[in-house]
Amino acid sequence: MFNISMIKSLTMKFTILIIDDEKEMCVSLSEILTANGFESRFTTDPLKAFSIIKSNPIDLIILDIKMPALKGIDLLKSLKAH
C-alpha cells in the first residue's frame, strides 16, 4: 500500500503543483503535503499553470480532470507538448 512517508524518506524537497478549480481541495491538499515536508503551490485557474511551471521548478503535478475552464486531460496534453 502507498504511504506518503515512503516517498518522503526517499527524496529531498519535492515541489508539487496542485491544479483544481475547487479552492478548498487545493488548500487541503497543500496543507497535507506541507505537513509532510513537501513544497506545494496551487492554482484554481488551469491557464495559470503554464506561468507557474515556467517560473518555478515543479517535480509533480496533481491535476483535476474535470474543470470548467479547461479539461484536465487537455491541460495535460498542452503541458506535455511544452
C-alpha atoms as a PDB file:
ATOM      1  CA  MET A   1       0.000   0.000   0.000  1.00  0.00           C
ATOM      2  CA  PHE A   2       1.177   3.503  -0.827  1.00  0.00           C
ATOM      3  CA  ASN A   3       2.296   5.630   2.091  1.00  0.00           C
ATOM      4  CA  ILE A   4       3.333   9.281   1.745  1.00  0.00           C
ATOM      5  CA  SER A   5       6.137   8.763   4.270  1.00  0.00           C
ATOM      6  CA  MET A   6       7.726   6.234   1.880  1.00  0.00           C
ATOM      7  CA  ILE A   7       8.263   8.975  -0.697  1.00  0.00           C
ATOM      8  CA  LYS A   8       9.325  11.499   1.926  1.00  0.00           C
ATOM      9  CA  SER A   9      12.083   9.239   3.199  1.00  0.00           C
ATOM     10  CA  LEU A  10      13.451   8.684  -0.324  1.00  0.00           C
ATOM     11  CA  THR A  11      13.521  12.248  -1.513  1.00  0.00           C
ATOM     12  CA  MET A  12      14.870  15.685  -0.961  1.00  0.00           C
ATOM     13  CA  LYS A  13      12.351  18.521  -1.037  1.00  0.00           C
ATOM     14  CA  PHE A  14       9.848  17.909  -3.852  1.00  0.00           C
ATOM     15  CA  THR A  15       7.743  20.773  -5.175  1.00  0.00           C
ATOM     16  CA  ILE A  16       4.204  19.765  -6.071  1.00  0.00           C
ATOM     17  CA  LEU A  17       1.755  21.854  -8.087  1.00  0.00           C
ATOM     18  CA  ILE A  18      -1.950  21.318  -7.431  1.00  0.00           C
ATOM     19  CA  ILE A  19      -4.359  22.370 -10.174  1.00  0.00           C
ATOM     20  CA  ASP A  20      -8.035  22.180  -9.224  1.00  0.00           C
ATOM     21  CA  ASP A  21     -10.975  24.501  -9.746  1.00  0.00           C
ATOM     22  CA  GLU A  22     -12.085  23.924  -6.134  1.00  0.00           C
ATOM     23  CA  LYS A  23     -10.029  26.144  -3.830  1.00  0.00           C
ATOM     24  CA  GLU A  24     -10.907  24.076  -0.744  1.00  0.00           C
ATOM     25  CA  MET A  25      -9.406  20.985  -2.379  1.00  0.00           C
ATOM     26  CA  CYS A  26      -6.233  22.905  -3.256  1.00  0.00           C
ATOM     27  CA  VAL A  27      -5.851  24.253   0.266  1.00  0.00           C
ATOM     28  CA  SER A  28      -6.489  20.868   1.895  1.00  0.00           C
ATOM     29  CA  LEU A  29      -4.008  19.036  -0.331  1.00  0.00           C
ATOM     30  CA  SER A  30      -1.448  21.808   0.095  1.00  0.00           C
ATOM     31  CA  GLU A  31      -1.717  21.619   3.892  1.00  0.00           C
ATOM     32  CA  ILE A  32      -1.291  17.831   3.871  1.00  0.00           C
ATOM     33  CA  LEU A  33       1.710  17.997   1.562  1.00  0.00           C
ATOM     34  CA  THR A  34       3.362  20.821   3.516  1.00  0.00           C
ATOM     35  CA  ALA A  35       2.831  18.972   6.805  1.00  0.00           C
ATOM     36  CA  ASN A  36       4.669  16.021   5.252  1.00  0.00           C
ATOM     37  CA  GLY A  37       7.691  18.056   4.198  1.00  0.00           C
ATOM     38  CA  PHE A  38       6.832  18.901   0.605  1.00  0.00           C
ATOM     39  CA  GLU A  39       6.799  22.299  -1.038  1.00  0.00           C
ATOM     40  CA  SER A  40       3.433  22.968  -2.636  1.00  0.00           C
ATOM     41  CA  ARG A  41       1.868  25.538  -4.884  1.00  0.00           C
ATOM     42  CA  PHE A  42      -1.648  25.613  -6.211  1.00  0.00           C
ATOM     43  CA  THR A  43      -3.893  27.363  -8.662  1.00  0.00           C
ATOM     44  CA  THR A  44      -7.604  27.215  -9.339  1.00  0.00           C
ATOM     45  CA  ASP A  45      -7.022  28.588 -12.825  1.00  0.00           C
ATOM     46  CA  PRO A  46      -5.609  25.918 -15.142  1.00  0.00           C
ATOM     47  CA  LEU A  47      -4.390  28.586 -17.571  1.00  0.00           C
ATOM     48  CA  LYS A  48      -2.040  29.952 -14.875  1.00  0.00           C
ATOM     49  CA  ALA A  49      -0.319  26.576 -14.642  1.00  0.00           C
ATOM     50  CA  PHE A  50       1.968  27.435 -17.551  1.00  0.00           C
ATOM     51  CA  SER A  51       3.344  30.580 -15.896  1.00  0.00           C
ATOM     52  CA  ILE A  52       3.762  28.809 -12.558  1.00  0.00           C
ATOM     53  CA  ILE A  53       5.709  25.989 -14.185  1.00  0.00           C
ATOM     54  CA  LYS A  54       7.905  28.417 -16.128  1.00  0.00           C
ATOM     55  CA  SER A  55       8.816  30.401 -13.011  1.00  0.00           C
ATOM     56  CA  ASN A  56       9.175  27.509 -10.541  1.00  0.00           C
ATOM     57  CA  PRO A  57      10.731  24.077 -10.864  1.00  0.00           C
ATOM     58  CA  ILE A  58       7.890  21.576 -10.360  1.00  0.00           C
ATOM     59  CA  ASP A  59       8.538  17.905  -9.621  1.00  0.00           C
ATOM     60  CA  LEU A  60       4.969  16.638  -9.634  1.00  0.00           C
ATOM     61  CA  ILE A  61       1.543  17.913 -10.681  1.00  0.00           C
ATOM     62  CA  ILE A  62      -1.728  16.873  -9.065  1.00  0.00           C
ATOM     63  CA  LEU A  63      -4.350  17.692 -11.652  1.00  0.00           C
ATOM     64  CA  ASP A  64      -8.142  17.680 -11.507  1.00  0.00           C
ATOM     65  CA  ILE A  65      -9.524  16.124 -14.685  1.00  0.00           C
ATOM     66  CA  LYS A  66     -12.972  17.775 -14.599  1.00  0.00           C
ATOM     67  CA  MET A  67     -12.634  21.560 -14.559  1.00  0.00           C
ATOM     68  CA  PRO A  68     -14.957  24.050 -16.242  1.00  0.00           C
ATOM     69  CA  ALA A  69     -12.429  26.392 -17.880  1.00  0.00           C
ATOM     70  CA  LEU A  70     -10.143  23.747 -19.351  1.00  0.00           C
ATOM     71  CA  LYS A  71     -10.451  19.989 -19.016  1.00  0.00           C
ATOM     72  CA  GLY A  72      -7.567  18.451 -17.107  1.00  0.00           C
ATOM     73  CA  ILE A  73      -6.725  15.997 -19.865  1.00  0.00           C
ATOM     74  CA  ASP A  74      -6.440  18.872 -22.358  1.00  0.00           C
ATOM     75  CA  LEU A  75      -4.204  20.780 -19.959  1.00  0.00           C
ATOM     76  CA  LEU A  76      -2.062  17.681 -19.503  1.00  0.00           C
ATOM     77  CA  LYS A  77      -1.638  17.343 -23.265  1.00  0.00           C
ATOM     78  CA  SER A  78      -0.661  21.019 -23.543  1.00  0.00           C
ATOM     79  CA  LEU A  79       1.820  20.768 -20.683  1.00  0.00           C
ATOM     80  CA  LYS A  80       3.336  17.664 -22.203  1.00  0.00           C
ATOM     81  CA  ALA A  81       3.736  19.417 -25.575  1.00  0.00           C
ATOM     82  CA  HIS A  82       5.683  22.269 -23.966  1.00  0.00           C
END
